[in-house]
Amino acid sequence: MATPTVVTDETFNQEVLKSDTPTLVDFWAVWCGPCRMVAPVVDEIAREQLGKLKVMKLDVDENQNTAMAYGVMSIPTLILFKNGQPVERIVGFRPKGDMDKKILPHLD
């Protein structure tokens, strides 16, 4: 069963930017209510797109450098990276169908 993997400021370059697989990063924090609401949807996407999409979680309180580098001003923010570049951004809680519409076109 696929679940999101934790990524940090230290591992972001290798795990996300250098990945050959499109990578969805969930920028979140423990205290964030909407982040807890979006987590099961992100888990479901990780399971459904296993092999086509890497799904990572980055705690913005513990990894502020990466969050600042990508202009994450509110959470949850999900950014889809492809070939080392951000190609989609989803801010706030969205239904799974809305997320799929933004993510799936970028998957091969």
N, C-alpha and C. Protein backbone atom coordinates (compact mmCIF):
# COMPACT_ATOMS: atom_id res chain seq x y z
N MET A 1 0.84 -1.18 0.00
CA MET A 1 0.00 0.00 0.00
C MET A 1 0.88 1.24 0.00
N ALA A 2 0.66 2.13 -0.94
CA ALA A 2 1.47 3.34 -1.06
C ALA A 2 0.97 4.40 -0.09
N THR A 3 1.90 4.99 0.59
CA THR A 3 1.59 6.12 1.46
C THR A 3 2.60 7.22 1.19
N PRO A 4 2.23 8.46 1.48
CA PRO A 4 3.19 9.55 1.27
C PRO A 4 4.45 9.35 2.10
N THR A 5 5.56 9.79 1.56
CA THR A 5 6.86 9.71 2.21
C THR A 5 7.23 11.09 2.74
N VAL A 6 7.88 11.13 3.89
CA VAL A 6 8.31 12.41 4.46
C VAL A 6 9.53 12.91 3.69
N VAL A 7 9.49 14.20 3.36
CA VAL A 7 10.63 14.86 2.72
C VAL A 7 11.00 16.07 3.58
N THR A 8 12.28 16.43 3.61
CA THR A 8 12.77 17.54 4.43
C THR A 8 13.55 18.52 3.56
N ASP A 9 13.94 19.63 4.17
CA ASP A 9 14.80 20.58 3.45
C ASP A 9 16.04 19.86 2.90
N GLU A 10 16.58 18.94 3.70
CA GLU A 10 17.82 18.25 3.32
C GLU A 10 17.62 17.24 2.20
N THR A 11 16.44 16.62 2.11
CA THR A 11 16.22 15.57 1.12
C THR A 11 15.40 16.03 -0.09
N PHE A 12 14.92 17.27 -0.06
CA PHE A 12 14.02 17.76 -1.10
C PHE A 12 14.65 17.72 -2.49
N ASN A 13 15.88 18.18 -2.61
CA ASN A 13 16.55 18.22 -3.92
C ASN A 13 16.62 16.82 -4.54
N GLN A 14 17.07 15.86 -3.76
CA GLN A 14 17.22 14.49 -4.28
C GLN A 14 15.88 13.82 -4.52
N GLU A 15 14.97 13.92 -3.55
CA GLU A 15 13.70 13.18 -3.61
C GLU A 15 12.69 13.79 -4.58
N VAL A 16 12.72 15.12 -4.73
CA VAL A 16 11.70 15.80 -5.54
C VAL A 16 12.28 16.34 -6.85
N LEU A 17 13.26 17.22 -6.74
CA LEU A 17 13.76 17.92 -7.93
C LEU A 17 14.50 16.99 -8.88
N LYS A 18 15.19 15.98 -8.37
CA LYS A 18 15.94 15.06 -9.22
C LYS A 18 15.15 13.79 -9.57
N SER A 19 13.90 13.74 -9.17
CA SER A 19 13.09 12.54 -9.41
C SER A 19 12.71 12.42 -10.89
N ASP A 20 12.78 11.21 -11.41
CA ASP A 20 12.33 10.93 -12.78
C ASP A 20 10.81 10.80 -12.83
N THR A 21 10.19 10.65 -11.68
CA THR A 21 8.74 10.45 -11.58
C THR A 21 8.10 11.75 -11.12
N PRO A 22 6.96 12.15 -11.72
CA PRO A 22 6.26 13.33 -11.20
C PRO A 22 6.04 13.15 -9.70
N THR A 23 6.21 14.24 -8.95
CA THR A 23 6.16 14.17 -7.49
C THR A 23 5.23 15.24 -6.94
N LEU A 24 4.26 14.78 -6.16
CA LEU A 24 3.31 15.68 -5.50
C LEU A 24 3.80 15.90 -4.07
N VAL A 25 4.01 17.17 -3.70
CA VAL A 25 4.47 17.49 -2.35
C VAL A 25 3.33 18.19 -1.61
N ASP A 26 2.97 17.60 -0.47
CA ASP A 26 1.94 18.16 0.41
C ASP A 26 2.66 18.97 1.49
N PHE A 27 2.56 20.30 1.40
CA PHE A 27 3.13 21.19 2.40
C PHE A 27 2.07 21.33 3.50
N TRP A 28 2.40 20.90 4.72
CA TRP A 28 1.42 20.81 5.79
C TRP A 28 2.06 21.11 7.14
N ALA A 29 1.24 21.09 8.19
CA ALA A 29 1.72 21.21 9.58
C ALA A 29 0.77 20.44 10.48
N VAL A 30 1.29 19.96 11.60
CA VAL A 30 0.54 19.14 12.55
C VAL A 30 -0.71 19.87 13.05
N TRP A 31 -0.60 21.17 13.30
CA TRP A 31 -1.68 21.95 13.91
C TRP A 31 -2.75 22.39 12.91
N CYS A 32 -2.59 22.10 11.64
CA CYS A 32 -3.46 22.61 10.57
C CYS A 32 -4.67 21.71 10.35
N GLY A 33 -5.86 22.19 10.67
CA GLY A 33 -7.09 21.42 10.49
C GLY A 33 -7.34 21.03 9.03
N PRO A 34 -7.31 21.99 8.10
CA PRO A 34 -7.52 21.63 6.70
C PRO A 34 -6.48 20.62 6.18
N CYS A 35 -5.26 20.66 6.75
CA CYS A 35 -4.23 19.68 6.36
C CYS A 35 -4.68 18.27 6.74
N ARG A 36 -5.30 18.14 7.91
CA ARG A 36 -5.81 16.83 8.34
C ARG A 36 -6.96 16.38 7.44
N MET A 37 -7.75 17.34 6.95
CA MET A 37 -8.85 17.00 6.04
C MET A 37 -8.34 16.50 4.69
N VAL A 38 -7.27 17.09 4.20
CA VAL A 38 -6.75 16.74 2.87
C VAL A 38 -5.91 15.46 2.92
N ALA A 39 -5.39 15.10 4.08
CA ALA A 39 -4.48 13.95 4.19
C ALA A 39 -5.07 12.65 3.64
N PRO A 40 -6.33 12.28 3.95
CA PRO A 40 -6.86 11.03 3.39
C PRO A 40 -6.99 11.07 1.87
N VAL A 41 -7.26 12.25 1.32
CA VAL A 41 -7.36 12.40 -0.14
C VAL A 41 -5.99 12.20 -0.76
N VAL A 42 -4.97 12.79 -0.15
CA VAL A 42 -3.60 12.64 -0.64
C VAL A 42 -3.18 11.17 -0.55
N ASP A 43 -3.53 10.50 0.55
CA ASP A 43 -3.23 9.07 0.70
C ASP A 43 -3.88 8.25 -0.41
N GLU A 44 -5.13 8.59 -0.74
CA GLU A 44 -5.85 7.86 -1.78
C GLU A 44 -5.20 8.07 -3.15
N ILE A 45 -4.79 9.29 -3.43
CA ILE A 45 -4.10 9.58 -4.69
C ILE A 45 -2.79 8.78 -4.76
N ALA A 46 -2.07 8.72 -3.64
CA ALA A 46 -0.81 7.96 -3.60
C ALA A 46 -1.05 6.50 -3.94
N ARG A 47 -2.12 5.92 -3.39
CA ARG A 47 -2.44 4.51 -3.68
C ARG A 47 -2.85 4.32 -5.14
N GLU A 48 -3.71 5.19 -5.63
CA GLU A 48 -4.24 5.05 -6.99
C GLU A 48 -3.17 5.25 -8.06
N GLN A 49 -2.21 6.12 -7.80
CA GLN A 49 -1.21 6.48 -8.81
C GLN A 49 0.15 5.84 -8.55
N LEU A 50 0.16 4.77 -7.76
CA LEU A 50 1.39 4.06 -7.44
C LEU A 50 2.13 3.69 -8.73
N GLY A 51 3.40 4.06 -8.80
CA GLY A 51 4.20 3.77 -9.98
C GLY A 51 4.20 4.91 -10.99
N LYS A 52 3.20 5.78 -10.93
CA LYS A 52 3.12 6.92 -11.85
C LYS A 52 3.42 8.24 -11.16
N LEU A 53 3.27 8.26 -9.83
CA LEU A 53 3.39 9.50 -9.06
C LEU A 53 4.01 9.20 -7.71
N LYS A 54 5.02 10.00 -7.33
CA LYS A 54 5.54 9.96 -5.96
C LYS A 54 4.78 10.99 -5.16
N VAL A 55 4.44 10.64 -3.93
CA VAL A 55 3.73 11.58 -3.07
C VAL A 55 4.55 11.77 -1.80
N MET A 56 4.86 13.03 -1.50
CA MET A 56 5.71 13.38 -0.37
C MET A 56 4.97 14.36 0.53
N LYS A 57 5.33 14.35 1.81
CA LYS A 57 4.78 15.32 2.77
C LYS A 57 5.95 16.11 3.38
N LEU A 58 5.79 17.44 3.41
CA LEU A 58 6.81 18.30 3.97
C LEU A 58 6.17 19.15 5.08
N ASP A 59 6.63 18.96 6.31
CA ASP A 59 6.15 19.74 7.46
C ASP A 59 6.77 21.13 7.38
N VAL A 60 5.93 22.15 7.17
CA VAL A 60 6.45 23.50 6.96
C VAL A 60 7.07 24.11 8.22
N ASP A 61 6.66 23.64 9.40
CA ASP A 61 7.25 24.16 10.64
C ASP A 61 8.70 23.68 10.80
N GLU A 62 8.96 22.47 10.37
CA GLU A 62 10.30 21.89 10.51
C GLU A 62 11.18 22.13 9.29
N ASN A 63 10.59 22.56 8.19
CA ASN A 63 11.33 22.72 6.92
C ASN A 63 10.94 24.03 6.25
N GLN A 64 11.22 25.12 6.93
CA GLN A 64 10.79 26.44 6.45
C GLN A 64 11.52 26.90 5.19
N ASN A 65 12.75 26.46 4.99
CA ASN A 65 13.51 26.92 3.82
C ASN A 65 12.83 26.51 2.52
N THR A 66 12.41 25.25 2.42
CA THR A 66 11.77 24.78 1.20
C THR A 66 10.42 25.46 1.02
N ALA A 67 9.65 25.57 2.09
CA ALA A 67 8.35 26.23 2.01
C ALA A 67 8.51 27.67 1.51
N MET A 68 9.50 28.39 2.03
CA MET A 68 9.73 29.77 1.59
C MET A 68 10.19 29.81 0.14
N ALA A 69 11.06 28.88 -0.24
CA ALA A 69 11.60 28.87 -1.61
C ALA A 69 10.49 28.72 -2.64
N TYR A 70 9.40 28.04 -2.28
CA TYR A 70 8.30 27.84 -3.23
C TYR A 70 7.09 28.70 -2.91
N GLY A 71 7.28 29.72 -2.10
CA GLY A 71 6.23 30.70 -1.84
C GLY A 71 4.99 30.13 -1.18
N VAL A 72 5.17 29.14 -0.34
CA VAL A 72 4.03 28.55 0.36
C VAL A 72 3.64 29.51 1.49
N MET A 73 2.50 30.18 1.31
CA MET A 73 2.05 31.18 2.27
C MET A 73 0.90 30.67 3.13
N SER A 74 0.17 29.67 2.64
CA SER A 74 -0.91 29.08 3.42
C SER A 74 -0.89 27.58 3.18
N ILE A 75 -1.40 26.85 4.16
CA ILE A 75 -1.40 25.39 4.07
C ILE A 75 -2.81 24.88 4.30
N PRO A 76 -3.16 23.75 3.73
CA PRO A 76 -2.29 22.92 2.91
C PRO A 76 -2.07 23.53 1.52
N THR A 77 -0.86 23.36 1.03
CA THR A 77 -0.54 23.65 -0.36
C THR A 77 0.08 22.39 -0.93
N LEU A 78 -0.42 21.96 -2.07
CA LEU A 78 0.15 20.81 -2.76
C LEU A 78 0.76 21.32 -4.05
N ILE A 79 2.02 20.96 -4.29
CA ILE A 79 2.70 21.37 -5.51
C ILE A 79 3.15 20.10 -6.24
N LEU A 80 2.79 20.03 -7.51
CA LEU A 80 3.20 18.91 -8.36
C LEU A 80 4.46 19.33 -9.12
N PHE A 81 5.52 18.55 -8.95
CA PHE A 81 6.78 18.79 -9.63
C PHE A 81 6.96 17.75 -10.73
N LYS A 82 7.40 18.22 -11.89
CA LYS A 82 7.71 17.32 -13.00
C LYS A 82 9.00 17.82 -13.63
N ASN A 83 9.96 16.91 -13.81
CA ASN A 83 11.27 17.28 -14.35
C ASN A 83 11.91 18.41 -13.55
N GLY A 84 11.74 18.36 -12.23
CA GLY A 84 12.37 19.33 -11.35
C GLY A 84 11.70 20.69 -11.27
N GLN A 85 10.57 20.84 -11.94
CA GLN A 85 9.89 22.13 -11.97
C GLN A 85 8.47 22.01 -11.42
N PRO A 86 7.99 23.04 -10.69
CA PRO A 86 6.60 23.02 -10.26
C PRO A 86 5.68 23.24 -11.46
N VAL A 87 4.69 22.36 -11.65
CA VAL A 87 3.80 22.47 -12.80
C VAL A 87 2.34 22.68 -12.39
N GLU A 88 1.99 22.41 -11.14
CA GLU A 88 0.64 22.64 -10.63
C GLU A 88 0.72 23.00 -9.17
N ARG A 89 -0.23 23.80 -8.72
CA ARG A 89 -0.31 24.20 -7.31
C ARG A 89 -1.77 24.16 -6.90
N ILE A 90 -2.03 23.48 -5.79
CA ILE A 90 -3.38 23.40 -5.22
C ILE A 90 -3.29 23.94 -3.80
N VAL A 91 -4.05 25.01 -3.52
CA VAL A 91 -4.01 25.63 -2.20
C VAL A 91 -5.33 25.40 -1.49
N GLY A 92 -5.26 24.93 -0.25
CA GLY A 92 -6.46 24.68 0.53
C GLY A 92 -7.05 23.32 0.23
N PHE A 93 -8.08 22.98 0.99
CA PHE A 93 -8.75 21.70 0.78
C PHE A 93 -9.55 21.74 -0.51
N ARG A 94 -9.41 20.71 -1.31
CA ARG A 94 -10.20 20.54 -2.53
C ARG A 94 -10.70 19.11 -2.58
N PRO A 95 -11.89 18.90 -3.14
CA PRO A 95 -12.37 17.52 -3.31
C PRO A 95 -11.42 16.74 -4.22
N LYS A 96 -11.42 15.44 -4.06
CA LYS A 96 -10.52 14.59 -4.82
C LYS A 96 -10.68 14.80 -6.32
N GLY A 97 -11.88 14.94 -6.80
CA GLY A 97 -12.10 15.16 -8.23
C GLY A 97 -11.38 16.38 -8.76
N ASP A 98 -11.39 17.45 -7.97
CA ASP A 98 -10.68 18.68 -8.37
C ASP A 98 -9.18 18.45 -8.42
N MET A 99 -8.67 17.70 -7.43
CA MET A 99 -7.23 17.40 -7.42
C MET A 99 -6.84 16.54 -8.61
N ASP A 100 -7.65 15.53 -8.88
CA ASP A 100 -7.37 14.65 -10.03
C ASP A 100 -7.30 15.45 -11.33
N LYS A 101 -8.20 16.42 -11.51
CA LYS A 101 -8.23 17.23 -12.73
C LYS A 101 -6.93 18.01 -12.92
N LYS A 102 -6.29 18.40 -11.82
CA LYS A 102 -5.04 19.15 -11.92
C LYS A 102 -3.82 18.25 -12.04
N ILE A 103 -3.88 17.07 -11.41
CA ILE A 103 -2.72 16.19 -11.34
C ILE A 103 -2.63 15.22 -12.52
N LEU A 104 -3.73 14.56 -12.84
CA LEU A 104 -3.69 13.47 -13.83
C LEU A 104 -3.16 13.86 -15.20
N PRO A 105 -3.46 15.07 -15.72
CA PRO A 105 -2.91 15.41 -17.04
C PRO A 105 -1.38 15.43 -17.10
N HIS A 106 -0.72 15.53 -15.95
CA HIS A 106 0.74 15.59 -15.92
C HIS A 106 1.40 14.21 -15.80
N LEU A 107 0.59 13.17 -15.63
CA LEU A 107 1.13 11.84 -15.47
C LEU A 107 1.17 11.13 -16.81
N ASP A 108 2.25 10.39 -17.06
CA ASP A 108 2.39 9.68 -18.34
C ASP A 108 1.65 8.36 -18.29
